[in-house]
PDB file of all heavy atoms in Angstrom:
ATOM      1  N   TYR A   1     104.943  23.810  88.190  1.00  0.00           N
ATOM      2  CA  TYR A   1     105.887  22.642  88.215  1.00  0.00           C
ATOM      3  C   TYR A   1     106.608  22.688  89.549  1.00  0.00           C
ATOM      4  O   TYR A   1     106.914  21.661  90.218  1.00  0.00           O
ATOM      5  CB  TYR A   1     106.854  22.712  87.115  1.00  0.00           C
ATOM      6  CG  TYR A   1     106.290  22.588  85.761  1.00  0.00           C
ATOM      7  CD1 TYR A   1     106.902  23.255  84.635  1.00  0.00           C
ATOM      8  CD2 TYR A   1     105.311  21.710  85.507  1.00  0.00           C
ATOM      9  CE1 TYR A   1     106.552  23.088  83.317  1.00  0.00           C
ATOM     10  CE2 TYR A   1     104.821  21.634  84.144  1.00  0.00           C
ATOM     11  CZ  TYR A   1     105.426  22.275  83.042  1.00  0.00           C
ATOM     12  OH  TYR A   1     104.916  22.185  81.812  1.00  0.00           O
ATOM     13  N   ARG A   2     107.034  23.899  89.963  1.00  0.00           N
ATOM     14  CA  ARG A   2     107.914  24.006  91.125  1.00  0.00           C
ATOM     15  C   ARG A   2     107.168  23.648  92.409  1.00  0.00           C
ATOM     16  O   ARG A   2     107.659  22.871  93.240  1.00  0.00           O
ATOM     17  CB  ARG A   2     108.549  25.416  91.282  1.00  0.00           C
ATOM     18  CG  ARG A   2     109.334  25.727  92.516  1.00  0.00           C
ATOM     19  CD  ARG A   2     109.978  27.075  92.412  1.00  0.00           C
ATOM     20  NE  ARG A   2     109.012  28.248  92.311  1.00  0.00           N
ATOM     21  CZ  ARG A   2     108.315  28.691  93.244  1.00  0.00           C
ATOM     22  NH1 ARG A   2     108.591  28.266  94.556  1.00  0.00           N
ATOM     23  NH2 ARG A   2     107.479  29.702  93.087  1.00  0.00           N
ATOM     24  N   HIS A   3     105.869  24.114  92.536  1.00  0.00           N
ATOM     25  CA  HIS A   3     105.183  23.797  93.668  1.00  0.00           C
ATOM     26  C   HIS A   3     104.867  22.266  93.682  1.00  0.00           C
ATOM     27  O   HIS A   3     104.815  21.623  94.806  1.00  0.00           O
ATOM     28  CB  HIS A   3     103.828  24.436  93.635  1.00  0.00           C
ATOM     29  CG  HIS A   3     103.920  25.985  93.767  1.00  0.00           C
ATOM     30  ND1 HIS A   3     104.736  26.533  94.898  1.00  0.00           N
ATOM     31  CD2 HIS A   3     103.368  27.092  93.192  1.00  0.00           C
ATOM     32  CE1 HIS A   3     104.735  27.836  94.780  1.00  0.00           C
ATOM     33  NE2 HIS A   3     103.877  28.254  93.742  1.00  0.00           N
ATOM     34  N   THR A   4     104.588  21.674  92.614  1.00  0.00           N
ATOM     35  CA  THR A   4     104.339  20.176  92.480  1.00  0.00           C
ATOM     36  C   THR A   4     105.557  19.427  93.016  1.00  0.00           C
ATOM     37  O   THR A   4     105.461  18.439  93.728  1.00  0.00           O
ATOM     38  CB  THR A   4     103.898  19.660  91.157  1.00  0.00           C
ATOM     39  OG1 THR A   4     102.685  20.404  90.690  1.00  0.00           O
ATOM     40  CG2 THR A   4     103.740  18.270  91.013  1.00  0.00           C
ATOM     41  N   TRP A   5     106.799  19.886  92.512  1.00  0.00           N
ATOM     42  CA  TRP A   5     107.992  19.142  92.935  1.00  0.00           C
ATOM     43  C   TRP A   5     108.221  19.346  94.318  1.00  0.00           C
ATOM     44  O   TRP A   5     108.580  18.381  95.031  1.00  0.00           O
ATOM     45  CB  TRP A   5     109.134  19.773  92.091  1.00  0.00           C
ATOM     46  CG  TRP A   5     110.454  19.206  92.467  1.00  0.00           C
ATOM     47  CD1 TRP A   5     110.758  17.883  92.307  1.00  0.00           C
ATOM     48  CD2 TRP A   5     111.672  19.838  93.013  1.00  0.00           C
ATOM     49  NE1 TRP A   5     112.111  17.671  92.741  1.00  0.00           N
ATOM     50  CE2 TRP A   5     112.636  18.872  93.146  1.00  0.00           C
ATOM     51  CE3 TRP A   5     111.858  21.111  93.320  1.00  0.00           C
ATOM     52  CZ2 TRP A   5     113.912  19.255  93.656  1.00  0.00           C
ATOM     53  CZ3 TRP A   5     113.137  21.438  93.875  1.00  0.00           C
ATOM     54  CH2 TRP A   5     114.107  20.563  93.973  1.00  0.00           C
ATOM     55  N   ILE A   6     108.006  20.533  94.916  1.00  0.00           N
ATOM     56  CA  ILE A   6     108.252  20.704  96.340  1.00  0.00           C
ATOM     57  C   ILE A   6     107.292  19.881  97.177  1.00  0.00           C
ATOM     58  O   ILE A   6     107.707  19.267  98.132  1.00  0.00           O
ATOM     59  CB  ILE A   6     108.115  22.277  96.672  1.00  0.00           C
ATOM     60  CG1 ILE A   6     109.306  23.099  96.027  1.00  0.00           C
ATOM     61  CG2 ILE A   6     108.056  22.404  98.183  1.00  0.00           C
ATOM     62  CD1 ILE A   6     109.148  24.599  96.233  1.00  0.00           C
ATOM     63  N   GLN A   7     106.024  19.832  96.807  1.00  0.00           N
ATOM     64  CA  GLN A   7     105.005  19.119  97.540  1.00  0.00           C
ATOM     65  C   GLN A   7     105.339  17.559  97.439  1.00  0.00           C
ATOM     66  O   GLN A   7     105.308  16.891  98.481  1.00  0.00           O
ATOM     67  CB  GLN A   7     103.635  19.247  96.989  1.00  0.00           C
ATOM     68  CG  GLN A   7     102.507  18.538  97.653  1.00  0.00           C
ATOM     69  CD  GLN A   7     102.464  18.946  99.122  1.00  0.00           C
ATOM     70  OE1 GLN A   7     102.339  20.104  99.503  1.00  0.00           O
ATOM     71  NE2 GLN A   7     102.643  17.949 100.083  1.00  0.00           N
ATOM     72  N   SER A   8     105.800  17.115  96.258  1.00  0.00           N
ATOM     73  CA  SER A   8     106.253  15.728  96.196  1.00  0.00           C
ATOM     74  C   SER A   8     107.437  15.451  96.998  1.00  0.00           C
ATOM     75  O   SER A   8     107.561  14.328  97.637  1.00  0.00           O
ATOM     76  CB  SER A   8     106.510  15.376  94.686  1.00  0.00           C
ATOM     77  OG  SER A   8     105.339  15.458  93.910  1.00  0.00           O
ATOM     78  N   THR A   9     108.338  16.370  97.125  1.00  0.00           N
ATOM     79  CA  THR A   9     109.628  16.185  97.863  1.00  0.00           C
ATOM     80  C   THR A   9     109.223  16.197  99.353  1.00  0.00           C
ATOM     81  O   THR A   9     109.754  15.395 100.112  1.00  0.00           O
ATOM     82  CB  THR A   9     110.600  17.295  97.627  1.00  0.00           C
ATOM     83  OG1 THR A   9     110.918  17.212  96.235  1.00  0.00           O
ATOM     84  CG2 THR A   9     111.883  17.072  98.455  1.00  0.00           C
ATOM     85  N   GLU A  10     108.268  17.022  99.722  1.00  0.00           N
ATOM     86  CA  GLU A  10     107.859  17.052 101.211  1.00  0.00           C
ATOM     87  C   GLU A  10     107.117  15.622 101.506  1.00  0.00           C
ATOM     88  O   GLU A  10     107.267  15.116 102.572  1.00  0.00           O
ATOM     89  CB  GLU A  10     106.759  18.206 101.330  1.00  0.00           C
ATOM     90  CG  GLU A  10     106.302  18.277 102.785  1.00  0.00           C
ATOM     91  CD  GLU A  10     105.435  19.562 102.946  1.00  0.00           C
ATOM     92  OE1 GLU A  10     105.834  20.672 102.409  1.00  0.00           O
ATOM     93  OE2 GLU A  10     104.449  19.457 103.677  1.00  0.00           O
ATOM     94  N   ASN A  11     106.422  15.145 100.523  1.00  0.00           N
ATOM     95  CA  ASN A  11     105.856  13.749 100.761  1.00  0.00           C
ATOM     96  C   ASN A  11     106.846  12.717 100.989  1.00  0.00           C
ATOM     97  O   ASN A  11     106.694  11.818 101.822  1.00  0.00           O
ATOM     98  CB  ASN A  11     104.927  13.452  99.539  1.00  0.00           C
ATOM     99  CG  ASN A  11     103.716  14.279  99.424  1.00  0.00           C
ATOM    100  OD1 ASN A  11     103.250  14.915 100.387  1.00  0.00           O
ATOM    101  ND2 ASN A  11     103.157  14.274  98.281  1.00  0.00           N
ATOM    102  N   ILE A  12     107.971  12.768 100.175  1.00  0.00           N
ATOM    103  CA  ILE A  12     109.093  11.919 100.402  1.00  0.00           C
ATOM    104  C   ILE A  12     109.714  12.024 101.731  1.00  0.00           C
ATOM    105  O   ILE A  12     110.090  11.071 102.386  1.00  0.00           O
ATOM    106  CB  ILE A  12     110.157  12.095  99.247  1.00  0.00           C
ATOM    107  CG1 ILE A  12     109.527  11.461  97.966  1.00  0.00           C
ATOM    108  CG2 ILE A  12     111.340  11.438  99.552  1.00  0.00           C
ATOM    109  CD1 ILE A  12     110.327  11.847  96.704  1.00  0.00           C
ATOM    110  N   VAL A  13     109.852  13.326 102.178  1.00  0.00           N
ATOM    111  CA  VAL A  13     110.547  13.580 103.450  1.00  0.00           C
ATOM    112  C   VAL A  13     109.619  12.856 104.609  1.00  0.00           C
ATOM    113  O   VAL A  13     110.050  12.388 105.553  1.00  0.00           O
ATOM    114  CB  VAL A  13     110.731  14.987 103.780  1.00  0.00           C
ATOM    115  CG1 VAL A  13     111.136  15.280 105.207  1.00  0.00           C
ATOM    116  CG2 VAL A  13     111.804  15.523 102.703  1.00  0.00           C
ATOM    117  N   ALA A  14     108.279  13.206 104.408  1.00  0.00           N
ATOM    118  CA  ALA A  14     107.364  12.646 105.448  1.00  0.00           C
ATOM    119  C   ALA A  14     107.349  11.162 105.480  1.00  0.00           C
ATOM    120  O   ALA A  14     107.273  10.567 106.479  1.00  0.00           O
ATOM    121  CB  ALA A  14     105.959  13.174 105.149  1.00  0.00           C
ATOM    122  N   LEU A  15     107.576  10.478 104.216  1.00  0.00           N
ATOM    123  CA  LEU A  15     107.675   9.070 104.214  1.00  0.00           C
ATOM    124  C   LEU A  15     109.042   8.573 104.881  1.00  0.00           C
ATOM    125  O   LEU A  15     109.008   7.572 105.588  1.00  0.00           O
ATOM    126  CB  LEU A  15     107.711   8.695 102.632  1.00  0.00           C
ATOM    127  CG  LEU A  15     107.742   7.152 102.405  1.00  0.00           C
ATOM    128  CD1 LEU A  15     106.559   6.354 102.890  1.00  0.00           C
ATOM    129  CD2 LEU A  15     107.904   6.911 100.977  1.00  0.00           C
ATOM    130  N   ALA A  16     110.001   9.416 104.692  1.00  0.00           N
ATOM    131  CA  ALA A  16     111.326   9.057 105.423  1.00  0.00           C
ATOM    132  C   ALA A  16     111.070   9.037 106.927  1.00  0.00           C
ATOM    133  O   ALA A  16     111.677   8.141 107.599  1.00  0.00           O
ATOM    134  CB  ALA A  16     112.351  10.060 105.074  1.00  0.00           C
ATOM    135  N   VAL A  17     110.268   9.876 107.452  1.00  0.00           N
ATOM    136  CA  VAL A  17     109.992   9.949 108.939  1.00  0.00           C
ATOM    137  C   VAL A  17     109.241   8.687 109.224  1.00  0.00           C
ATOM    138  O   VAL A  17     109.452   8.060 110.232  1.00  0.00           O
ATOM    139  CB  VAL A  17     109.278  11.233 109.251  1.00  0.00           C
ATOM    140  CG1 VAL A  17     108.816  11.152 110.727  1.00  0.00           C
ATOM    141  CG2 VAL A  17     110.147  12.468 109.033  1.00  0.00           C
ATOM    142  N   LYS A  18     108.284   8.394 108.431  1.00  0.00           N
ATOM    143  CA  LYS A  18     107.280   7.250 108.647  1.00  0.00           C
ATOM    144  C   LYS A  18     108.041   5.885 108.657  1.00  0.00           C
ATOM    145  O   LYS A  18     107.741   5.087 109.557  1.00  0.00           O
ATOM    146  CB  LYS A  18     106.274   7.213 107.524  1.00  0.00           C
ATOM    147  CG  LYS A  18     105.209   6.065 107.644  1.00  0.00           C
ATOM    148  CD  LYS A  18     104.233   6.044 106.487  1.00  0.00           C
ATOM    149  CE  LYS A  18     103.203   4.891 106.674  1.00  0.00           C
ATOM    150  NZ  LYS A  18     102.291   4.899 105.489  1.00  0.00           N
ATOM    151  N   VAL A  19     109.032   5.702 107.841  1.00  0.00           N
ATOM    152  CA  VAL A  19     109.735   4.365 107.825  1.00  0.00           C
ATOM    153  C   VAL A  19     110.965   4.482 108.747  1.00  0.00           C
ATOM    154  O   VAL A  19     111.706   3.494 108.742  1.00  0.00           O
ATOM    155  CB  VAL A  19     110.244   4.011 106.337  1.00  0.00           C
ATOM    156  CG1 VAL A  19     108.944   4.072 105.451  1.00  0.00           C
ATOM    157  CG2 VAL A  19     111.286   5.044 105.847  1.00  0.00           C
ATOM    158  N   GLY A  20     111.214   5.474 109.456  1.00  0.00           N
ATOM    159  CA  GLY A  20     112.324   5.642 110.307  1.00  0.00           C
ATOM    160  C   GLY A  20     113.707   5.973 109.758  1.00  0.00           C
ATOM    161  O   GLY A  20     114.715   5.922 110.379  1.00  0.00           O
ATOM    162  N   ALA A  21     113.609   6.477 108.529  1.00  0.00           N
ATOM    163  CA  ALA A  21     114.823   7.112 107.783  1.00  0.00           C
ATOM    164  C   ALA A  21     115.286   8.329 108.343  1.00  0.00           C
ATOM    165  O   ALA A  21     116.333   8.784 108.145  1.00  0.00           O
ATOM    166  CB  ALA A  21     114.579   7.064 106.270  1.00  0.00           C
ATOM    167  N   LEU A  22     114.304   9.046 108.937  1.00  0.00           N
ATOM    168  CA  LEU A  22     114.526  10.344 109.633  1.00  0.00           C
ATOM    169  C   LEU A  22     113.903  10.219 110.975  1.00  0.00           C
ATOM    170  O   LEU A  22     112.913   9.554 111.224  1.00  0.00           O
ATOM    171  CB  LEU A  22     114.005  11.501 108.842  1.00  0.00           C
ATOM    172  CG  LEU A  22     114.762  11.933 107.576  1.00  0.00           C
ATOM    173  CD1 LEU A  22     113.889  13.001 106.867  1.00  0.00           C
ATOM    174  CD2 LEU A  22     116.132  12.483 107.982  1.00  0.00           C
ATOM    175  N   PRO A  23     114.428  11.105 112.049  1.00  0.00           N
ATOM    176  CA  PRO A  23     113.805  11.033 113.307  1.00  0.00           C
ATOM    177  C   PRO A  23     112.364  11.461 113.370  1.00  0.00           C
ATOM    178  O   PRO A  23     111.994  12.324 112.460  1.00  0.00           O
ATOM    179  CB  PRO A  23     114.676  12.031 114.075  1.00  0.00           C
ATOM    180  CG  PRO A  23     116.001  12.070 113.345  1.00  0.00           C
ATOM    181  CD  PRO A  23     115.647  11.809 111.894  1.00  0.00           C
ATOM    182  N   LYS A  24     111.620  11.025 114.352  1.00  0.00           N
ATOM    183  CA  LYS A  24     110.214  11.424 114.447  1.00  0.00           C
ATOM    184  C   LYS A  24     109.928  12.980 114.627  1.00  0.00           C
ATOM    185  O   LYS A  24     108.910  13.492 114.120  1.00  0.00           O
ATOM    186  CB  LYS A  24     109.571  10.648 115.533  1.00  0.00           C
ATOM    187  CG  LYS A  24     109.310   9.146 115.195  1.00  0.00           C
ATOM    188  CD  LYS A  24     108.574   8.467 116.382  1.00  0.00           C
ATOM    189  CE  LYS A  24     108.391   7.022 116.046  1.00  0.00           C
ATOM    190  NZ  LYS A  24     107.655   6.327 117.096  1.00  0.00           N
ATOM    191  N   GLN A  25     110.983  13.604 115.208  1.00  0.00           N
ATOM    192  CA  GLN A  25     110.898  15.050 115.474  1.00  0.00           C
ATOM    193  C   GLN A  25     111.454  15.867 114.384  1.00  0.00           C
ATOM    194  O   GLN A  25     111.435  17.126 114.540  1.00  0.00           O
ATOM    195  CB  GLN A  25     111.575  15.411 116.830  1.00  0.00           C
ATOM    196  CG  GLN A  25     113.107  15.178 116.784  1.00  0.00           C
ATOM    197  CD  GLN A  25     113.514  13.817 117.150  1.00  0.00           C
ATOM    198  OE1 GLN A  25     112.859  12.756 116.940  1.00  0.00           O
ATOM    199  NE2 GLN A  25     114.737  13.717 117.737  1.00  0.00           N
ATOM    200  N   THR A  26     111.600  15.300 113.149  1.00  0.00           N
ATOM    201  CA  THR A  26     112.094  16.008 112.055  1.00  0.00           C
ATOM    202  C   THR A  26     111.054  17.081 111.570  1.00  0.00           C
ATOM    203  O   THR A  26     109.899  16.766 111.532  1.00  0.00           O
ATOM    204  CB  THR A  26     112.323  15.097 110.821  1.00  0.00           C
ATOM    205  OG1 THR A  26     113.476  14.240 111.243  1.00  0.00           O
ATOM    206  CG2 THR A  26     112.772  15.887 109.610  1.00  0.00           C
ATOM    207  N   ASP A  27     111.665  18.295 111.383  1.00  0.00           N
ATOM    208  CA  ASP A  27     110.721  19.356 110.792  1.00  0.00           C
ATOM    209  C   ASP A  27     110.698  19.097 109.353  1.00  0.00           C
ATOM    210  O   ASP A  27     111.557  19.303 108.574  1.00  0.00           O
ATOM    211  CB  ASP A  27     111.390  20.710 111.056  1.00  0.00           C
ATOM    212  CG  ASP A  27     110.564  21.928 110.728  1.00  0.00           C
ATOM    213  OD1 ASP A  27     109.907  21.777 109.650  1.00  0.00           O
ATOM    214  OD2 ASP A  27     110.419  22.955 111.421  1.00  0.00           O
ATOM    215  N   ILE A  28     109.448  18.596 108.840  1.00  0.00           N
ATOM    216  CA  ILE A  28     109.325  18.209 107.476  1.00  0.00           C
ATOM    217  C   ILE A  28     109.425  19.341 106.521  1.00  0.00           C
ATOM    218  O   ILE A  28     110.081  19.230 105.539  1.00  0.00           O
ATOM    219  CB  ILE A  28     108.010  17.410 107.364  1.00  0.00           C
ATOM    220  CG1 ILE A  28     108.074  16.171 108.076  1.00  0.00           C
ATOM    221  CG2 ILE A  28     107.739  17.178 105.828  1.00  0.00           C
ATOM    222  CD1 ILE A  28     106.760  15.262 108.207  1.00  0.00           C
ATOM    223  N   VAL A  29     108.814  20.467 106.885  1.00  0.00           N
ATOM    224  CA  VAL A  29     108.896  21.596 105.900  1.00  0.00           C
ATOM    225  C   VAL A  29     110.225  22.147 105.729  1.00  0.00           C
ATOM    226  O   VAL A  29     110.798  22.413 104.696  1.00  0.00           O
ATOM    227  CB  VAL A  29     107.868  22.725 106.396  1.00  0.00           C
ATOM    228  CG1 VAL A  29     108.039  23.983 105.511  1.00  0.00           C
ATOM    229  CG2 VAL A  29     106.464  22.204 106.340  1.00  0.00           C
TER     230      VAL A  29
END
């Protein structure tokens, strides 16, 4: 469960970068 949640959260952070909600140089991990 924990790994799935972390991976899904990482996907959300990557999406934030994609839509410009976070800077392009954001360290996603």
